[in-house]
Amino acid sequence: MSDLAAHINEAAHRLAQGQLVAFPTETVYGLGADASNPQAVAAIFHAKGRPANHPVIVHVAPQADLSYWVTHVPTEAQALIDAFWPGPLTLILPRAPQASAAVSGGQDTIGVRCPSHPVAQALLTRFAQIKGEGQPAGVAAPSANRFGQVSPTQAQHVRTEFPDLGSDELYVLAGGNADVGIESTIVDVSRLDQGIAPVILRPGHITAEQIEAVLGQALGQPHTQDNTPRVSGSLKAHYAPRTPLYLCSAAQIEALGSDQDQAVAVVFADSIHTAAHVYLAPSDPHQYASQLYAMLRQLDEQAYSAIYLEQPPHTSEWEAVNDRIGRAAAAFAS
């Protein structure tokens, strides 16, 4: 058995024993626990400082039977599964009665996804083998960071985030960098029988245009008054670094004065001149997303007085990035 296979086996056994395991996915590192064990799930909430009514996502192995977790899989949901699983897409579906309300924040819906990262797939498959045929083998896993903070995209980020948890409390399964770099797209398909079309509740790497192309129909719009399910990462202020972060136009960044010499400006074009230090970010939205959280963590370590982010274009390609940095900036809005 290779070293990686041994680590995966150890992590899967720890999950089966009700322990916490941080593991890589293609989006970010997750803080995982046996989704069918309410005590294990409660340990996630305790470690993160996460409100109990804030749901988590259940991760499953490829070709997993979803019947323990959801009452049914509508045709539209199956089409999205066929098109995008394994991958960075979470589906909100009606929760089956036997699935613990702990993972859904007490709601009658549940979020499920099948990650594409090979280490995540191997872990979920091994976990299912240990649990045994016919037993529920889902791993509840929000991002492996303190609630509201920057998500981790490397194993070291997780270790830095939870320095008070020893290896006997949190097993960190390393698997390289998370390539996508931001959390999965979340699509609500739980209310089709009410005549409510599929709705994106959190944008991500998979775009609205891609989803509409598969479904052959336009997506609906989320509205708070229609009992839209609560989902991960939907709070106004989220994904925030410790350093105050502000969104600015290129002109505003150019105008930063010498009193901002302890600040850093994150820009797309090296033609921008400012008194602040400059961090040149990728101009491609997918590369920007892949590097975003690692960049914020790196800048946090530099003890700058503030981070000024050049506002990306308001186009569909940048929707997910704008969502994340907008929530990060909201944490510092007066």
C-alpha atoms as a PDB file:
ATOM      1  CA  MET A   1       0.000   0.000   0.000  1.00  0.00           C
ATOM      2  CA  SER A   2       1.372   3.426  -0.997  1.00  0.00           C
ATOM      3  CA  ASP A   3       1.772   6.206   1.537  1.00  0.00           C
ATOM      4  CA  LEU A   4      -1.196   8.084   0.063  1.00  0.00           C
ATOM      5  CA  ALA A   5      -3.390   4.974   0.091  1.00  0.00           C
ATOM      6  CA  ALA A   6      -2.425   4.375   3.722  1.00  0.00           C
ATOM      7  CA  HIS A   7      -3.353   7.955   4.638  1.00  0.00           C
ATOM      8  CA  ILE A   8      -6.667   7.629   2.816  1.00  0.00           C
ATOM      9  CA  ASN A   9      -7.388   4.360   4.616  1.00  0.00           C
ATOM     10  CA  GLU A  10      -6.545   5.951   7.977  1.00  0.00           C
ATOM     11  CA  ALA A  11      -8.764   8.950   7.245  1.00  0.00           C
ATOM     12  CA  ALA A  12     -11.677   6.721   6.205  1.00  0.00           C
ATOM     13  CA  HIS A  13     -11.408   4.659   9.392  1.00  0.00           C
ATOM     14  CA  ARG A  14     -11.347   7.836  11.464  1.00  0.00           C
ATOM     15  CA  LEU A  15     -14.513   9.041   9.767  1.00  0.00           C
ATOM     16  CA  ALA A  16     -16.182   5.712  10.523  1.00  0.00           C
ATOM     17  CA  GLN A  17     -15.161   6.135  14.174  1.00  0.00           C
ATOM     18  CA  GLY A  18     -16.909   9.514  14.367  1.00  0.00           C
ATOM     19  CA  GLN A  19     -13.780  11.652  14.132  1.00  0.00           C
ATOM     20  CA  LEU A  20     -13.075  14.804  12.113  1.00  0.00           C
ATOM     21  CA  VAL A  21     -11.057  14.612   8.892  1.00  0.00           C
ATOM     22  CA  ALA A  22     -10.016  17.527   6.702  1.00  0.00           C
ATOM     23  CA  PHE A  23      -9.663  16.480   3.069  1.00  0.00           C
ATOM     24  CA  PRO A  24      -9.082  18.075  -0.334  1.00  0.00           C
ATOM     25  CA  THR A  25     -11.730  18.637  -2.949  1.00  0.00           C
ATOM     26  CA  GLU A  26     -11.400  20.406  -6.277  1.00  0.00           C
ATOM     27  CA  THR A  27     -13.065  23.490  -4.733  1.00  0.00           C
ATOM     28  CA  VAL A  28     -11.585  23.927  -1.227  1.00  0.00           C
ATOM     29  CA  TYR A  29     -10.520  21.677   1.649  1.00  0.00           C
ATOM     30  CA  GLY A  30     -13.485  20.349   3.616  1.00  0.00           C
ATOM     31  CA  LEU A  31     -13.860  19.635   7.329  1.00  0.00           C
ATOM     32  CA  GLY A  32     -15.506  16.246   7.216  1.00  0.00           C
ATOM     33  CA  ALA A  33     -17.453  13.942   9.503  1.00  0.00           C
ATOM     34  CA  ASP A  34     -19.815  10.979   9.098  1.00  0.00           C
ATOM     35  CA  ALA A  35     -23.027  12.664   7.940  1.00  0.00           C
ATOM     36  CA  SER A  36     -25.162   9.899   9.503  1.00  0.00           C
ATOM     37  CA  ASN A  37     -23.606  10.450  12.952  1.00  0.00           C
ATOM     38  CA  PRO A  38     -25.189  13.518  14.644  1.00  0.00           C
ATOM     39  CA  GLN A  39     -22.452  13.659  17.296  1.00  0.00           C
ATOM     40  CA  ALA A  40     -19.741  13.700  14.628  1.00  0.00           C
ATOM     41  CA  VAL A  41     -21.574  16.409  12.699  1.00  0.00           C
ATOM     42  CA  ALA A  42     -21.908  18.434  15.905  1.00  0.00           C
ATOM     43  CA  ALA A  43     -18.104  18.308  16.235  1.00  0.00           C
ATOM     44  CA  ILE A  44     -17.831  20.131  12.880  1.00  0.00           C
ATOM     45  CA  PHE A  45     -20.035  22.940  14.137  1.00  0.00           C
ATOM     46  CA  HIS A  46     -18.101  23.163  17.395  1.00  0.00           C
ATOM     47  CA  ALA A  47     -14.693  23.268  15.690  1.00  0.00           C
ATOM     48  CA  LYS A  48     -15.765  25.940  13.188  1.00  0.00           C
ATOM     49  CA  GLY A  49     -17.884  27.996  15.565  1.00  0.00           C
ATOM     50  CA  ARG A  50     -20.686  27.549  13.049  1.00  0.00           C
ATOM     51  CA  PRO A  51     -24.333  28.370  13.885  1.00  0.00           C
ATOM     52  CA  ALA A  52     -26.411  25.205  14.258  1.00  0.00           C
ATOM     53  CA  ASN A  53     -29.019  26.411  11.754  1.00  0.00           C
ATOM     54  CA  HIS A  54     -26.424  26.868   9.004  1.00  0.00           C
ATOM     55  CA  PRO A  55     -26.529  23.727   6.823  1.00  0.00           C
ATOM     56  CA  VAL A  56     -23.570  21.703   5.581  1.00  0.00           C
ATOM     57  CA  ILE A  57     -23.169  19.703   2.366  1.00  0.00           C
ATOM     58  CA  VAL A  58     -23.103  15.907   2.224  1.00  0.00           C
ATOM     59  CA  HIS A  59     -20.338  14.563  -0.028  1.00  0.00           C
ATOM     60  CA  VAL A  60     -20.828  11.169  -1.659  1.00  0.00           C
ATOM     61  CA  ALA A  61     -18.754   8.805  -3.763  1.00  0.00           C
ATOM     62  CA  PRO A  62     -19.361   8.449  -7.507  1.00  0.00           C
ATOM     63  CA  GLN A  63     -22.424   6.331  -8.303  1.00  0.00           C
ATOM     64  CA  ALA A  64     -23.578   6.513  -4.679  1.00  0.00           C
ATOM     65  CA  ASP A  65     -27.184   5.679  -3.851  1.00  0.00           C
ATOM     66  CA  LEU A  66     -28.772   8.947  -2.742  1.00  0.00           C
ATOM     67  CA  SER A  67     -31.938   7.335  -1.365  1.00  0.00           C
ATOM     68  CA  TYR A  68     -30.792   7.541   2.270  1.00  0.00           C
ATOM     69  CA  TRP A  69     -30.326  11.308   1.953  1.00  0.00           C
ATOM     70  CA  VAL A  70     -33.113  12.501  -0.352  1.00  0.00           C
ATOM     71  CA  THR A  71     -36.743  11.535  -0.892  1.00  0.00           C
ATOM     72  CA  HIS A  72     -36.359  11.488  -4.658  1.00  0.00           C
ATOM     73  CA  VAL A  73     -34.178  12.770  -7.497  1.00  0.00           C
ATOM     74  CA  PRO A  74     -36.227  14.771 -10.028  1.00  0.00           C
ATOM     75  CA  THR A  75     -35.502  14.418 -13.726  1.00  0.00           C
ATOM     76  CA  GLU A  76     -33.914  17.879 -13.794  1.00  0.00           C
ATOM     77  CA  ALA A  77     -31.601  16.981 -10.908  1.00  0.00           C
ATOM     78  CA  GLN A  78     -30.579  13.741 -12.598  1.00  0.00           C
ATOM     79  CA  ALA A  79     -29.728  15.645 -15.758  1.00  0.00           C
ATOM     80  CA  LEU A  80     -27.418  17.922 -13.762  1.00  0.00           C
ATOM     81  CA  ILE A  81     -25.852  14.914 -12.021  1.00  0.00           C
ATOM     82  CA  ASP A  82     -25.193  13.261 -15.370  1.00  0.00           C
ATOM     83  CA  ALA A  83     -23.653  16.451 -16.751  1.00  0.00           C
ATOM     84  CA  PHE A  84     -21.598  17.756 -13.825  1.00  0.00           C
ATOM     85  CA  TRP A  85     -20.900  14.981 -11.301  1.00  0.00           C
ATOM     86  CA  PRO A  86     -18.242  14.354 -10.191  1.00  0.00           C
ATOM     87  CA  GLY A  87     -17.586  18.081 -10.029  1.00  0.00           C
ATOM     88  CA  PRO A  88     -18.141  21.399  -8.266  1.00  0.00           C
ATOM     89  CA  LEU A  89     -21.959  21.315  -8.217  1.00  0.00           C
ATOM     90  CA  THR A  90     -24.139  20.945  -5.111  1.00  0.00           C
ATOM     91  CA  LEU A  91     -27.826  20.093  -5.456  1.00  0.00           C
ATOM     92  CA  ILE A  92     -30.456  21.036  -2.882  1.00  0.00           C
ATOM     93  CA  LEU A  93     -33.058  18.271  -2.737  1.00  0.00           C
ATOM     94  CA  PRO A  94     -35.900  17.232  -0.410  1.00  0.00           C
ATOM     95  CA  ARG A  95     -34.352  15.603   2.683  1.00  0.00           C
ATOM     96  CA  ALA A  96     -35.329  12.016   3.441  1.00  0.00           C
ATOM     97  CA  PRO A  97     -36.763  11.518   6.961  1.00  0.00           C
ATOM     98  CA  GLN A  98     -33.914   9.278   8.108  1.00  0.00           C
ATOM     99  CA  ALA A  99     -31.210  11.794   7.125  1.00  0.00           C
ATOM    100  CA  SER A 100     -30.144  13.787  10.160  1.00  0.00           C
ATOM    101  CA  ALA A 101     -31.529  17.304  10.427  1.00  0.00           C
ATOM    102  CA  ALA A 102     -28.111  18.267  11.818  1.00  0.00           C
ATOM    103  CA  VAL A 103     -26.678  18.448   8.307  1.00  0.00           C
ATOM    104  CA  SER A 104     -29.543  20.547   6.961  1.00  0.00           C
ATOM    105  CA  GLY A 105     -29.753  23.140   9.695  1.00  0.00           C
ATOM    106  CA  GLY A 106     -33.153  21.742  10.674  1.00  0.00           C
ATOM    107  CA  GLN A 107     -34.626  22.241   7.196  1.00  0.00           C
ATOM    108  CA  ASP A 108     -36.547  19.709   5.115  1.00  0.00           C
ATOM    109  CA  THR A 109     -33.964  20.049   2.325  1.00  0.00           C
ATOM    110  CA  ILE A 110     -30.400  18.749   2.073  1.00  0.00           C
ATOM    111  CA  GLY A 111     -27.358  19.630  -0.033  1.00  0.00           C
ATOM    112  CA  VAL A 112     -25.448  16.806  -1.749  1.00  0.00           C
ATOM    113  CA  ARG A 113     -22.503  16.702  -4.108  1.00  0.00           C
ATOM    114  CA  CYS A 114     -19.910  14.333  -5.552  1.00  0.00           C
ATOM    115  CA  PRO A 115     -16.445  15.953  -5.692  1.00  0.00           C
ATOM    116  CA  SER A 116     -14.060  15.279  -8.581  1.00  0.00           C
ATOM    117  CA  HIS A 117     -10.766  15.493  -6.660  1.00  0.00           C
ATOM    118  CA  PRO A 118      -9.181  12.007  -6.862  1.00  0.00           C
ATOM    119  CA  VAL A 119      -8.200  11.988  -3.166  1.00  0.00           C
ATOM    120  CA  ALA A 120     -11.722  12.969  -2.142  1.00  0.00           C
ATOM    121  CA  GLN A 121     -13.185  10.251  -4.367  1.00  0.00           C
ATOM    122  CA  ALA A 122     -10.812   7.637  -2.954  1.00  0.00           C
ATOM    123  CA  LEU A 123     -11.646   8.689   0.611  1.00  0.00           C
ATOM    124  CA  LEU A 124     -15.398   8.585   0.027  1.00  0.00           C
ATOM    125  CA  THR A 125     -15.163   5.212  -1.720  1.00  0.00           C
ATOM    126  CA  ARG A 126     -13.046   3.696   1.062  1.00  0.00           C
ATOM    127  CA  PHE A 127     -15.366   5.153   3.702  1.00  0.00           C
ATOM    128  CA  ALA A 128     -18.335   3.491   1.970  1.00  0.00           C
ATOM    129  CA  GLN A 129     -16.476   0.164   1.936  1.00  0.00           C
ATOM    130  CA  ILE A 130     -15.777   0.389   5.670  1.00  0.00           C
ATOM    131  CA  LYS A 131     -19.377   1.321   6.470  1.00  0.00           C
ATOM    132  CA  GLY A 132     -20.581  -1.672   4.509  1.00  0.00           C
ATOM    133  CA  GLU A 133     -23.174  -2.328   1.821  1.00  0.00           C
ATOM    134  CA  GLY A 134     -26.524  -0.751   2.500  1.00  0.00           C
ATOM    135  CA  GLN A 135     -25.154   1.639   5.124  1.00  0.00           C
ATOM    136  CA  PRO A 136     -25.221   5.433   4.630  1.00  0.00           C
ATOM    137  CA  ALA A 137     -21.790   6.665   3.593  1.00  0.00           C
ATOM    138  CA  GLY A 138     -21.928  10.416   3.191  1.00  0.00           C
ATOM    139  CA  VAL A 139     -19.424  12.885   4.585  1.00  0.00           C
ATOM    140  CA  ALA A 140     -20.741  16.212   5.840  1.00  0.00           C
ATOM    141  CA  ALA A 141     -18.085  18.784   5.001  1.00  0.00           C
ATOM    142  CA  PRO A 142     -18.183  22.569   5.037  1.00  0.00           C
ATOM    143  CA  SER A 143     -14.937  24.376   4.293  1.00  0.00           C
ATOM    144  CA  ALA A 144     -12.170  23.613   6.802  1.00  0.00           C
ATOM    145  CA  ASN A 145     -11.867  27.059   8.365  1.00  0.00           C
ATOM    146  CA  ARG A 146     -13.317  29.023  11.244  1.00  0.00           C
ATOM    147  CA  PHE A 147     -16.825  30.211  10.427  1.00  0.00           C
ATOM    148  CA  GLY A 148     -16.858  33.300   8.183  1.00  0.00           C
ATOM    149  CA  GLN A 149     -13.123  33.260   7.497  1.00  0.00           C
ATOM    150  CA  VAL A 150     -11.162  32.587   4.313  1.00  0.00           C
ATOM    151  CA  SER A 151     -11.584  29.050   3.000  1.00  0.00           C
ATOM    152  CA  PRO A 152      -8.483  26.797   2.762  1.00  0.00           C
ATOM    153  CA  THR A 153      -7.128  25.590  -0.561  1.00  0.00           C
ATOM    154  CA  GLN A 154      -4.015  23.843   0.841  1.00  0.00           C
ATOM    155  CA  ALA A 155      -3.483  21.368   3.666  1.00  0.00           C
ATOM    156  CA  GLN A 156      -1.262  23.842   5.498  1.00  0.00           C
ATOM    157  CA  HIS A 157      -4.103  26.368   5.508  1.00  0.00           C
ATOM    158  CA  VAL A 158      -6.155  23.876   7.529  1.00  0.00           C
ATOM    159  CA  ARG A 159      -3.380  23.261  10.027  1.00  0.00           C
ATOM    160  CA  THR A 160      -2.921  27.013  10.448  1.00  0.00           C
ATOM    161  CA  GLU A 161      -6.663  27.488  10.909  1.00  0.00           C
ATOM    162  CA  PHE A 162      -6.994  24.949  13.735  1.00  0.00           C
ATOM    163  CA  PRO A 163      -3.715  25.100  15.700  1.00  0.00           C
ATOM    164  CA  ASP A 164      -5.526  24.032  18.877  1.00  0.00           C
ATOM    165  CA  LEU A 165      -6.681  20.718  17.389  1.00  0.00           C
ATOM    166  CA  GLY A 166      -4.111  17.938  17.568  1.00  0.00           C
ATOM    167  CA  SER A 167      -3.915  15.017  15.144  1.00  0.00           C
ATOM    168  CA  ASP A 168      -6.010  12.943  17.541  1.00  0.00           C
ATOM    169  CA  GLU A 169      -8.848  15.489  17.140  1.00  0.00           C
ATOM    170  CA  LEU A 170      -8.434  16.452  13.486  1.00  0.00           C
ATOM    171  CA  TYR A 171      -6.769  14.281  10.853  1.00  0.00           C
ATOM    172  CA  VAL A 172      -5.588  16.346   7.864  1.00  0.00           C
ATOM    173  CA  LEU A 173      -5.478  14.366   4.627  1.00  0.00           C
ATOM    174  CA  ALA A 174      -3.212  16.276   2.234  1.00  0.00           C
ATOM    175  CA  GLY A 175      -3.862  16.201  -1.490  1.00  0.00           C
ATOM    176  CA  GLY A 176      -2.209  19.199  -3.084  1.00  0.00           C
ATOM    177  CA  ASN A 177      -3.885  22.481  -3.983  1.00  0.00           C
ATOM    178  CA  ALA A 178      -7.607  22.807  -4.651  1.00  0.00           C
ATOM    179  CA  ASP A 179      -7.625  23.704  -8.346  1.00  0.00           C
ATOM    180  CA  VAL A 180     -11.014  25.430  -8.632  1.00  0.00           C
ATOM    181  CA  GLY A 181     -10.279  27.454  -5.519  1.00  0.00           C
ATOM    182  CA  ILE A 182     -13.810  28.587  -4.607  1.00  0.00           C
ATOM    183  CA  GLU A 183     -16.807  26.693  -3.286  1.00  0.00           C
ATOM    184  CA  SER A 184     -19.216  24.739  -5.476  1.00  0.00           C
ATOM    185  CA  THR A 185     -22.167  26.161  -7.362  1.00  0.00           C
ATOM    186  CA  ILE A 186     -25.343  25.419  -5.387  1.00  0.00           C
ATOM    187  CA  VAL A 187     -28.578  24.786  -7.299  1.00  0.00           C
ATOM    188  CA  ASP A 188     -31.940  24.397  -5.577  1.00  0.00           C
ATOM    189  CA  VAL A 189     -34.035  21.693  -7.251  1.00  0.00           C
ATOM    190  CA  SER A 190     -36.111  20.929  -4.162  1.00  0.00           C
ATOM    191  CA  ARG A 191     -39.253  22.834  -5.089  1.00  0.00           C
ATOM    192  CA  LEU A 192     -40.018  21.748  -8.619  1.00  0.00           C
ATOM    193  CA  ASP A 193     -43.304  20.191  -7.496  1.00  0.00           C
ATOM    194  CA  GLN A 194     -44.330  23.669  -6.311  1.00  0.00           C
ATOM    195  CA  GLY A 195     -43.777  25.066  -9.778  1.00  0.00           C
ATOM    196  CA  ILE A 196     -40.521  26.783  -8.772  1.00  0.00           C
ATOM    197  CA  ALA A 197     -37.802  26.458 -11.412  1.00  0.00           C
ATOM    198  CA  PRO A 198     -34.225  25.466 -10.480  1.00  0.00           C
ATOM    199  CA  VAL A 199     -32.435  28.368  -8.788  1.00  0.00           C
ATOM    200  CA  ILE A 200     -28.745  29.090  -8.210  1.00  0.00           C
ATOM    201  CA  LEU A 201     -28.328  29.878  -4.498  1.00  0.00           C
ATOM    202  CA  ARG A 202     -24.530  30.263  -4.660  1.00  0.00           C
ATOM    203  CA  PRO A 203     -22.576  30.914  -7.872  1.00  0.00           C
ATOM    204  CA  GLY A 204     -19.453  28.912  -8.571  1.00  0.00           C
ATOM    205  CA  HIS A 205     -17.250  27.426 -11.269  1.00  0.00           C
ATOM    206  CA  ILE A 206     -20.247  25.930 -13.077  1.00  0.00           C
ATOM    207  CA  THR A 207     -22.167  28.849 -14.538  1.00  0.00           C
ATOM    208  CA  ALA A 208     -25.845  29.611 -15.005  1.00  0.00           C
ATOM    209  CA  GLU A 209     -25.398  29.368 -18.763  1.00  0.00           C
ATOM    210  CA  GLN A 210     -23.972  25.845 -18.485  1.00  0.00           C
ATOM    211  CA  ILE A 211     -26.813  24.741 -16.210  1.00  0.00           C
ATOM    212  CA  GLU A 212     -29.481  26.251 -18.445  1.00  0.00           C
ATOM    213  CA  ALA A 213     -27.953  24.526 -21.462  1.00  0.00           C
ATOM    214  CA  VAL A 214     -28.330  21.141 -19.752  1.00  0.00           C
ATOM    215  CA  LEU A 215     -31.837  21.791 -18.457  1.00  0.00           C
ATOM    216  CA  GLY A 216     -33.109  23.465 -21.608  1.00  0.00           C
ATOM    217  CA  GLN A 217     -34.868  26.089 -19.511  1.00  0.00           C
ATOM    218  CA  ALA A 218     -34.191  29.382 -17.804  1.00  0.00           C
ATOM    219  CA  LEU A 219     -33.250  29.366 -14.141  1.00  0.00           C
ATOM    220  CA  GLY A 220     -35.425  31.070 -11.566  1.00  0.00           C
ATOM    221  CA  GLN A 221     -34.374  33.820  -9.177  1.00  0.00           C
ATOM    222  CA  PRO A 222     -34.019  33.322  -5.403  1.00  0.00           C
ATOM    223  CA  HIS A 223     -36.465  35.272  -3.249  1.00  0.00           C
ATOM    224  CA  THR A 224     -36.394  35.378   0.530  1.00  0.00           C
ATOM    225  CA  GLN A 225     -40.167  35.519   0.730  1.00  0.00           C
ATOM    226  CA  ASP A 226     -40.658  32.143  -0.990  1.00  0.00           C
ATOM    227  CA  ASN A 227     -38.879  30.125   1.719  1.00  0.00           C
ATOM    228  CA  THR A 228     -35.703  29.644  -0.303  1.00  0.00           C
ATOM    229  CA  PRO A 229     -33.575  27.044   1.521  1.00  0.00           C
ATOM    230  CA  ARG A 230     -30.636  28.295   3.562  1.00  0.00           C
ATOM    231  CA  VAL A 231     -27.327  27.117   2.120  1.00  0.00           C
ATOM    232  CA  SER A 232     -23.632  27.293   2.921  1.00  0.00           C
ATOM    233  CA  GLY A 233     -21.825  30.544   2.166  1.00  0.00           C
ATOM    234  CA  SER A 234     -24.962  32.633   1.718  1.00  0.00           C
ATOM    235  CA  LEU A 235     -24.480  35.113   4.559  1.00  0.00           C
ATOM    236  CA  LYS A 236     -23.903  38.719   3.526  1.00  0.00           C
ATOM    237  CA  ALA A 237     -20.505  38.828   5.275  1.00  0.00           C
ATOM    238  CA  HIS A 238     -18.365  35.748   4.662  1.00  0.00           C
ATOM    239  CA  TYR A 239     -14.996  34.530   3.307  1.00  0.00           C
ATOM    240  CA  ALA A 240     -13.279  37.419   5.100  1.00  0.00           C
ATOM    241  CA  PRO A 241      -9.577  37.863   5.871  1.00  0.00           C
ATOM    242  CA  ARG A 242      -8.470  39.463   9.149  1.00  0.00           C
ATOM    243  CA  THR A 243      -7.121  42.498   7.296  1.00  0.00           C
ATOM    244  CA  PRO A 244      -9.825  45.048   6.339  1.00  0.00           C
ATOM    245  CA  LEU A 245     -10.754  44.545   2.684  1.00  0.00           C
ATOM    246  CA  TYR A 246     -12.345  47.109   0.355  1.00  0.00           C
ATOM    247  CA  LEU A 247     -13.530  46.910  -3.255  1.00  0.00           C
ATOM    248  CA  CYS A 248     -12.435  49.860  -5.403  1.00  0.00           C
ATOM    249  CA  SER A 249     -12.402  51.043  -8.984  1.00  0.00           C
ATOM    250  CA  ALA A 250      -9.086  51.378 -10.796  1.00  0.00           C
ATOM    251  CA  ALA A 251      -9.399  55.155 -10.448  1.00  0.00           C
ATOM    252  CA  GLN A 252      -9.897  54.901  -6.688  1.00  0.00           C
ATOM    253  CA  ILE A 253      -6.828  52.705  -6.378  1.00  0.00           C
ATOM    254  CA  GLU A 254      -4.782  55.141  -8.478  1.00  0.00           C
ATOM    255  CA  ALA A 255      -5.858  57.875  -6.058  1.00  0.00           C
ATOM    256  CA  LEU A 256      -4.641  56.102  -2.924  1.00  0.00           C
ATOM    257  CA  GLY A 257      -2.386  58.601  -1.195  1.00  0.00           C
ATOM    258  CA  SER A 258       0.882  58.243   0.641  1.00  0.00           C
ATOM    259  CA  ASP A 259      -0.998  57.757   3.896  1.00  0.00           C
ATOM    260  CA  GLN A 260      -1.923  54.353   2.520  1.00  0.00           C
ATOM    261  CA  ASP A 261       1.703  53.219   2.237  1.00  0.00           C
ATOM    262  CA  GLN A 262       0.989  50.292   4.546  1.00  0.00           C
ATOM    263  CA  ALA A 263      -1.886  49.109   2.357  1.00  0.00           C
ATOM    264  CA  VAL A 264      -1.805  46.699  -0.558  1.00  0.00           C
ATOM    265  CA  ALA A 265      -3.717  47.116  -3.812  1.00  0.00           C
ATOM    266  CA  VAL A 266      -4.709  43.983  -5.740  1.00  0.00           C
ATOM    267  CA  VAL A 267      -4.990  44.914  -9.407  1.00  0.00           C
ATOM    268  CA  PHE A 268      -5.274  43.285 -12.838  1.00  0.00           C
ATOM    269  CA  ALA A 269      -3.083  45.662 -14.847  1.00  0.00           C
ATOM    270  CA  ASP A 270       0.500  46.614 -14.000  1.00  0.00           C
ATOM    271  CA  SER A 271      -0.198  50.007 -15.613  1.00  0.00           C
ATOM    272  CA  ILE A 272      -1.980  51.125 -12.435  1.00  0.00           C
ATOM    273  CA  HIS A 273       0.247  53.361 -10.314  1.00  0.00           C
ATOM    274  CA  THR A 274      -0.491  53.884  -6.653  1.00  0.00           C
ATOM    275  CA  ALA A 275       1.276  54.776  -3.425  1.00  0.00           C
ATOM    276  CA  ALA A 276       0.121  51.459  -1.979  1.00  0.00           C
ATOM    277  CA  HIS A 277       2.008  48.227  -2.424  1.00  0.00           C
ATOM    278  CA  VAL A 278       0.744  46.322  -5.471  1.00  0.00           C
ATOM    279  CA  TYR A 279      -0.165  42.662  -5.843  1.00  0.00           C
ATOM    280  CA  LEU A 280      -0.751  41.742  -9.483  1.00  0.00           C
ATOM    281  CA  ALA A 281      -3.655  39.296  -9.756  1.00  0.00           C
ATOM    282  CA  PRO A 282      -4.583  37.137 -12.768  1.00  0.00           C
ATOM    283  CA  SER A 283      -6.853  38.763 -15.318  1.00  0.00           C
ATOM    284  CA  ASP A 284      -8.499  35.422 -16.151  1.00  0.00           C
ATOM    285  CA  PRO A 285     -11.519  34.755 -13.877  1.00  0.00           C
ATOM    286  CA  HIS A 286     -10.785  31.034 -13.410  1.00  0.00           C
ATOM    287  CA  GLN A 287      -7.140  31.659 -12.527  1.00  0.00           C
ATOM    288  CA  TYR A 288      -8.192  34.476 -10.213  1.00  0.00           C
ATOM    289  CA  ALA A 289     -10.674  32.180  -8.445  1.00  0.00           C
ATOM    290  CA  SER A 290      -8.075  29.424  -8.135  1.00  0.00           C
ATOM    291  CA  GLN A 291      -5.652  31.815  -6.401  1.00  0.00           C
ATOM    292  CA  LEU A 292      -8.116  34.027  -4.494  1.00  0.00           C
ATOM    293  CA  TYR A 293      -8.145  32.421  -1.047  1.00  0.00           C
ATOM    294  CA  ALA A 294      -4.440  31.615  -1.032  1.00  0.00           C
ATOM    295  CA  MET A 295      -3.790  35.241  -2.041  1.00  0.00           C
ATOM    296  CA  LEU A 296      -5.944  36.603   0.799  1.00  0.00           C
ATOM    297  CA  ARG A 297      -4.223  34.338   3.304  1.00  0.00           C
ATOM    298  CA  GLN A 298      -0.797  35.401   2.020  1.00  0.00           C
ATOM    299  CA  LEU A 299      -1.709  39.087   2.258  1.00  0.00           C
ATOM    300  CA  ASP A 300      -3.114  38.547   5.744  1.00  0.00           C
ATOM    301  CA  GLU A 301       0.305  37.344   6.840  1.00  0.00           C
ATOM    302  CA  GLN A 302       1.985  40.563   5.651  1.00  0.00           C
ATOM    303  CA  ALA A 303       0.312  42.731   8.327  1.00  0.00           C
ATOM    304  CA  TYR A 304      -0.927  45.350   5.873  1.00  0.00           C
ATOM    305  CA  SER A 305      -3.273  48.006   7.220  1.00  0.00           C
ATOM    306  CA  ALA A 306      -5.815  47.277   4.486  1.00  0.00           C
ATOM    307  CA  ILE A 307      -6.383  45.391   1.245  1.00  0.00           C
ATOM    308  CA  TYR A 308      -7.839  47.327  -1.692  1.00  0.00           C
ATOM    309  CA  LEU A 309      -9.183  45.014  -4.391  1.00  0.00           C
ATOM    310  CA  GLU A 310      -9.764  46.304  -7.883  1.00  0.00           C
ATOM    311  CA  GLN A 311     -13.403  45.475  -8.672  1.00  0.00           C
ATOM    312  CA  PRO A 312     -13.562  42.793 -11.396  1.00  0.00           C
ATOM    313  CA  PRO A 313     -15.934  43.246 -14.339  1.00  0.00           C
ATOM    314  CA  HIS A 314     -19.626  42.644 -13.640  1.00  0.00           C
ATOM    315  CA  THR A 315     -19.934  39.832 -16.186  1.00  0.00           C
ATOM    316  CA  SER A 316     -21.125  36.245 -15.893  1.00  0.00           C
ATOM    317  CA  GLU A 317     -17.548  34.919 -16.063  1.00  0.00           C
ATOM    318  CA  TRP A 318     -16.712  36.892 -12.911  1.00  0.00           C
ATOM    319  CA  GLU A 319     -19.972  36.243 -11.029  1.00  0.00           C
ATOM    320  CA  ALA A 320     -18.571  33.686  -8.586  1.00  0.00           C
ATOM    321  CA  VAL A 321     -15.453  35.751  -7.807  1.00  0.00           C
ATOM    322  CA  ASN A 322     -17.551  38.879  -7.330  1.00  0.00           C
ATOM    323  CA  ASP A 323     -19.829  36.965  -4.982  1.00  0.00           C
ATOM    324  CA  ARG A 324     -16.912  35.857  -2.778  1.00  0.00           C
ATOM    325  CA  ILE A 325     -15.038  39.139  -2.625  1.00  0.00           C
ATOM    326  CA  GLY A 326     -18.278  41.071  -2.188  1.00  0.00           C
ATOM    327  CA  ARG A 327     -19.099  39.028   0.912  1.00  0.00           C
ATOM    328  CA  ALA A 328     -15.527  39.389   2.163  1.00  0.00           C
ATOM    329  CA  ALA A 329     -15.756  43.184   1.821  1.00  0.00           C
ATOM    330  CA  ALA A 330     -19.175  43.220   3.491  1.00  0.00           C
ATOM    331  CA  ALA A 331     -17.514  42.053   6.702  1.00  0.00           C
ATOM    332  CA  PHE A 332     -15.785  45.466   6.871  1.00  0.00           C
ATOM    333  CA  ALA A 333     -18.603  47.689   5.600  1.00  0.00           C
ATOM    334  CA  SER A 334     -19.535  50.471   8.014  1.00  0.00           C
END
